Each structure stands twice: as C-alpha cells, then as structure tokens.
Amino acid sequence: MANHSATEKDVRQATKRRERNRYYGKTTRNAIRDFKEIKSKNEASEKLPKVASEIDKMAKRGIIHKNKAANLKSKLAKRTNALAK
C-alpha cells in the first residue's frame, strides 16, 4: 500500500477517474448497442447526433482515441444510410 500522502492521494484520484471512465464507457456502449437495434431511418437519424456526441465526449476525455471515435461514428452513419435502402 502507499507510504506517502501524495501516493495515497494519487490512488484515490486514479480510483475516481477509473470509475468515471467506466461509467462513460459503459453508457456509450449501451447507447451504441441500442442504436444498432433501430430499424427505421427516421428514428436512426434522430438518435445519431446524440450517440455521436457521446462518442466525441469520450474521445475528448481521453477514454478512447480520437481515431476510434471517428471510426465508430463512421460505422453508425453508414448504418443509418443503409437503412434507407
């Protein structure tokens, strides 16, 4: 265990950050899962900006890489466009 007060504080901060990152990651993964279950183009195009915003926030916070965020948003946009056909 930590022997210095600064190390103890770092452990507390890391725990708090880890919990926060897990929450945002899980929430976004659930939103993506729910988005993939949508069958209508109208509903998908309504929800796409909200899901894309959550993905962008994860990238901004450093939970995922910005390129992974771009890839996820691209896949969701392709899926939305495919629903029209």
N, C-alpha and C. Protein backbone atom coordinates (compact mmCIF):
# COMPACT_ATOMS: atom_id res chain seq x y z
N MET A 1 0.83 -1.18 0.00
CA MET A 1 0.00 0.00 0.00
C MET A 1 0.87 1.24 0.00
N ALA A 2 0.27 2.39 -0.23
CA ALA A 2 1.00 3.64 -0.34
C ALA A 2 1.60 4.06 0.99
N ASN A 3 2.83 4.59 0.94
CA ASN A 3 3.51 5.04 2.15
C ASN A 3 3.54 6.56 2.28
N HIS A 4 3.31 7.26 1.19
CA HIS A 4 3.36 8.72 1.22
C HIS A 4 1.96 9.28 0.99
N SER A 5 1.74 10.46 1.55
CA SER A 5 0.41 11.06 1.42
C SER A 5 0.10 11.38 -0.04
N ALA A 6 1.11 11.80 -0.81
CA ALA A 6 0.90 12.10 -2.22
C ALA A 6 0.52 10.84 -3.00
N THR A 7 1.12 9.73 -2.62
CA THR A 7 0.81 8.47 -3.29
C THR A 7 -0.60 8.01 -2.94
N GLU A 8 -0.98 8.21 -1.68
CA GLU A 8 -2.34 7.86 -1.27
C GLU A 8 -3.36 8.70 -2.04
N LYS A 9 -3.06 9.98 -2.20
CA LYS A 9 -3.95 10.86 -2.95
C LYS A 9 -4.04 10.40 -4.41
N ASP A 10 -2.91 10.01 -4.99
CA ASP A 10 -2.89 9.55 -6.38
C ASP A 10 -3.75 8.30 -6.54
N VAL A 11 -3.69 7.41 -5.56
CA VAL A 11 -4.52 6.19 -5.60
C VAL A 11 -6.00 6.57 -5.57
N ARG A 12 -6.36 7.53 -4.69
CA ARG A 12 -7.75 7.98 -4.63
C ARG A 12 -8.20 8.60 -5.95
N GLN A 13 -7.34 9.44 -6.54
CA GLN A 13 -7.69 10.09 -7.80
C GLN A 13 -7.83 9.07 -8.93
N ALA A 14 -6.90 8.11 -8.98
CA ALA A 14 -6.95 7.10 -10.03
C ALA A 14 -8.21 6.27 -9.92
N THR A 15 -8.61 5.94 -8.70
CA THR A 15 -9.83 5.17 -8.49
C THR A 15 -11.05 5.95 -8.97
N LYS A 16 -11.09 7.23 -8.64
CA LYS A 16 -12.20 8.08 -9.04
C LYS A 16 -12.26 8.19 -10.57
N ARG A 17 -11.11 8.40 -11.19
CA ARG A 17 -11.06 8.51 -12.66
C ARG A 17 -11.48 7.21 -13.33
N ARG A 18 -11.01 6.08 -12.78
CA ARG A 18 -11.33 4.78 -13.35
C ARG A 18 -12.84 4.53 -13.30
N GLU A 19 -13.46 4.84 -12.18
CA GLU A 19 -14.91 4.67 -12.06
C GLU A 19 -15.66 5.57 -13.04
N ARG A 20 -15.20 6.82 -13.15
CA ARG A 20 -15.85 7.75 -14.07
C ARG A 20 -15.71 7.27 -15.52
N ASN A 21 -14.51 6.82 -15.88
CA ASN A 21 -14.28 6.34 -17.24
C ASN A 21 -15.11 5.09 -17.53
N ARG A 22 -15.23 4.21 -16.55
CA ARG A 22 -16.05 3.01 -16.74
C ARG A 22 -17.50 3.39 -16.97
N TYR A 23 -17.98 4.38 -16.22
CA TYR A 23 -19.36 4.81 -16.36
C TYR A 23 -19.62 5.36 -17.76
N TYR A 24 -18.77 6.29 -18.21
CA TYR A 24 -18.96 6.88 -19.53
C TYR A 24 -18.81 5.84 -20.64
N GLY A 25 -17.85 4.94 -20.48
CA GLY A 25 -17.65 3.90 -21.49
C GLY A 25 -18.84 2.97 -21.60
N LYS A 26 -19.34 2.54 -20.47
CA LYS A 26 -20.48 1.61 -20.46
C LYS A 26 -21.74 2.29 -20.99
N THR A 27 -21.96 3.54 -20.58
CA THR A 27 -23.14 4.27 -21.04
C THR A 27 -23.12 4.43 -22.56
N THR A 28 -21.96 4.77 -23.09
CA THR A 28 -21.84 4.96 -24.53
C THR A 28 -21.99 3.63 -25.27
N ARG A 29 -21.39 2.58 -24.74
CA ARG A 29 -21.54 1.26 -25.38
C ARG A 29 -23.00 0.84 -25.43
N ASN A 30 -23.74 1.11 -24.35
CA ASN A 30 -25.17 0.79 -24.34
C ASN A 30 -25.93 1.63 -25.37
N ALA A 31 -25.56 2.89 -25.50
CA ALA A 31 -26.22 3.75 -26.48
C ALA A 31 -25.95 3.25 -27.90
N ILE A 32 -24.73 2.81 -28.16
CA ILE A 32 -24.39 2.28 -29.48
C ILE A 32 -25.16 0.99 -29.74
N ARG A 33 -25.25 0.13 -28.72
CA ARG A 33 -25.99 -1.13 -28.87
C ARG A 33 -27.46 -0.86 -29.18
N ASP A 34 -28.05 0.08 -28.45
CA ASP A 34 -29.45 0.42 -28.69
C ASP A 34 -29.63 1.04 -30.07
N PHE A 35 -28.66 1.84 -30.49
CA PHE A 35 -28.75 2.47 -31.81
C PHE A 35 -28.72 1.42 -32.92
N LYS A 36 -27.91 0.38 -32.74
CA LYS A 36 -27.79 -0.67 -33.77
C LYS A 36 -29.08 -1.48 -33.90
N GLU A 37 -29.92 -1.48 -32.88
CA GLU A 37 -31.17 -2.24 -32.92
C GLU A 37 -32.29 -1.48 -33.65
N ILE A 38 -32.07 -0.21 -33.94
CA ILE A 38 -33.09 0.61 -34.60
C ILE A 38 -33.27 0.13 -36.04
N LYS A 39 -34.53 0.03 -36.45
CA LYS A 39 -34.83 -0.46 -37.80
C LYS A 39 -35.34 0.64 -38.73
N SER A 40 -35.78 1.78 -38.21
CA SER A 40 -36.34 2.81 -39.08
C SER A 40 -35.32 3.94 -39.31
N LYS A 41 -35.31 4.45 -40.52
CA LYS A 41 -34.37 5.51 -40.90
C LYS A 41 -34.63 6.79 -40.10
N ASN A 42 -35.89 7.15 -39.91
CA ASN A 42 -36.22 8.39 -39.19
C ASN A 42 -35.71 8.36 -37.76
N GLU A 43 -35.97 7.29 -37.08
CA GLU A 43 -35.53 7.18 -35.69
C GLU A 43 -34.01 7.16 -35.59
N ALA A 44 -33.36 6.48 -36.53
CA ALA A 44 -31.90 6.41 -36.52
C ALA A 44 -31.29 7.78 -36.76
N SER A 45 -31.85 8.53 -37.70
CA SER A 45 -31.29 9.85 -37.99
C SER A 45 -31.55 10.83 -36.85
N GLU A 46 -32.58 10.59 -36.05
CA GLU A 46 -32.82 11.41 -34.86
C GLU A 46 -31.80 11.13 -33.76
N LYS A 47 -31.48 9.86 -33.57
CA LYS A 47 -30.62 9.46 -32.47
C LYS A 47 -29.13 9.53 -32.80
N LEU A 48 -28.78 9.58 -34.07
CA LEU A 48 -27.37 9.59 -34.46
C LEU A 48 -26.60 10.75 -33.85
N PRO A 49 -27.10 11.99 -33.89
CA PRO A 49 -26.33 13.09 -33.29
C PRO A 49 -26.07 12.92 -31.79
N LYS A 50 -27.04 12.36 -31.08
CA LYS A 50 -26.86 12.16 -29.64
C LYS A 50 -25.78 11.12 -29.35
N VAL A 51 -25.81 10.02 -30.10
CA VAL A 51 -24.81 8.97 -29.90
C VAL A 51 -23.43 9.47 -30.33
N ALA A 52 -23.37 10.20 -31.44
CA ALA A 52 -22.09 10.74 -31.92
C ALA A 52 -21.52 11.72 -30.90
N SER A 53 -22.38 12.48 -30.27
CA SER A 53 -21.94 13.42 -29.24
C SER A 53 -21.33 12.69 -28.05
N GLU A 54 -21.94 11.60 -27.63
CA GLU A 54 -21.39 10.82 -26.53
C GLU A 54 -20.03 10.26 -26.90
N ILE A 55 -19.88 9.79 -28.14
CA ILE A 55 -18.60 9.25 -28.59
C ILE A 55 -17.54 10.35 -28.60
N ASP A 56 -17.91 11.53 -29.09
CA ASP A 56 -16.97 12.66 -29.10
C ASP A 56 -16.53 13.04 -27.69
N LYS A 57 -17.45 13.01 -26.76
CA LYS A 57 -17.10 13.35 -25.38
C LYS A 57 -16.12 12.33 -24.80
N MET A 58 -16.29 11.06 -25.13
CA MET A 58 -15.35 10.04 -24.67
C MET A 58 -13.96 10.30 -25.23
N ALA A 59 -13.89 10.68 -26.50
CA ALA A 59 -12.59 10.97 -27.11
C ALA A 59 -11.97 12.21 -26.48
N LYS A 60 -12.79 13.21 -26.21
CA LYS A 60 -12.29 14.45 -25.60
C LYS A 60 -11.72 14.18 -24.21
N ARG A 61 -12.37 13.29 -23.47
CA ARG A 61 -11.92 12.98 -22.12
C ARG A 61 -10.75 12.00 -22.11
N GLY A 62 -10.40 11.45 -23.26
CA GLY A 62 -9.27 10.53 -23.33
C GLY A 62 -9.62 9.09 -22.99
N ILE A 63 -10.90 8.78 -22.97
CA ILE A 63 -11.31 7.41 -22.66
C ILE A 63 -11.06 6.51 -23.87
N ILE A 64 -11.33 7.05 -25.06
CA ILE A 64 -10.99 6.33 -26.30
C ILE A 64 -10.18 7.27 -27.19
N HIS A 65 -9.49 6.72 -28.14
CA HIS A 65 -8.67 7.51 -29.07
C HIS A 65 -9.57 8.23 -30.07
N LYS A 66 -9.10 9.36 -30.55
CA LYS A 66 -9.93 10.15 -31.47
C LYS A 66 -10.19 9.40 -32.78
N ASN A 67 -9.25 8.57 -33.22
CA ASN A 67 -9.47 7.80 -34.45
C ASN A 67 -10.52 6.72 -34.23
N LYS A 68 -10.52 6.11 -33.05
CA LYS A 68 -11.56 5.11 -32.75
C LYS A 68 -12.92 5.78 -32.73
N ALA A 69 -12.98 6.98 -32.20
CA ALA A 69 -14.24 7.73 -32.18
C ALA A 69 -14.71 7.99 -33.60
N ALA A 70 -13.79 8.40 -34.46
CA ALA A 70 -14.15 8.67 -35.86
C ALA A 70 -14.63 7.39 -36.54
N ASN A 71 -13.97 6.28 -36.27
CA ASN A 71 -14.39 5.01 -36.88
C ASN A 71 -15.77 4.59 -36.40
N LEU A 72 -16.04 4.75 -35.12
CA LEU A 72 -17.36 4.40 -34.59
C LEU A 72 -18.45 5.26 -35.22
N LYS A 73 -18.21 6.56 -35.29
CA LYS A 73 -19.22 7.46 -35.86
C LYS A 73 -19.44 7.16 -37.34
N SER A 74 -18.36 6.82 -38.04
CA SER A 74 -18.48 6.49 -39.45
C SER A 74 -19.34 5.24 -39.66
N LYS A 75 -19.11 4.23 -38.83
CA LYS A 75 -19.89 2.99 -38.94
C LYS A 75 -21.37 3.24 -38.66
N LEU A 76 -21.63 4.08 -37.66
CA LEU A 76 -23.03 4.37 -37.33
C LEU A 76 -23.70 5.16 -38.44
N ALA A 77 -22.96 6.09 -39.06
CA ALA A 77 -23.52 6.86 -40.16
C ALA A 77 -23.79 5.96 -41.37
N LYS A 78 -22.88 5.04 -41.64
CA LYS A 78 -23.09 4.10 -42.75
C LYS A 78 -24.32 3.23 -42.49
N ARG A 79 -24.47 2.84 -41.24
CA ARG A 79 -25.64 2.00 -40.88
C ARG A 79 -26.93 2.79 -41.06
N THR A 80 -26.91 4.06 -40.67
CA THR A 80 -28.09 4.91 -40.83
C THR A 80 -28.45 5.07 -42.31
N ASN A 81 -27.44 5.32 -43.14
CA ASN A 81 -27.68 5.49 -44.57
C ASN A 81 -28.15 4.20 -45.23
N ALA A 82 -27.70 3.06 -44.72
CA ALA A 82 -28.09 1.78 -45.28
C ALA A 82 -29.56 1.46 -44.98
N LEU A 83 -30.10 2.03 -43.91
CA LEU A 83 -31.49 1.76 -43.56
C LEU A 83 -32.45 2.34 -44.61
N ALA A 84 -32.03 3.34 -45.34
CA ALA A 84 -32.89 3.96 -46.33
C ALA A 84 -33.11 3.05 -47.52
N LYS A 85 -32.17 2.17 -47.77
CA LYS A 85 -32.24 1.31 -48.96
C LYS A 85 -32.99 0.04 -48.72
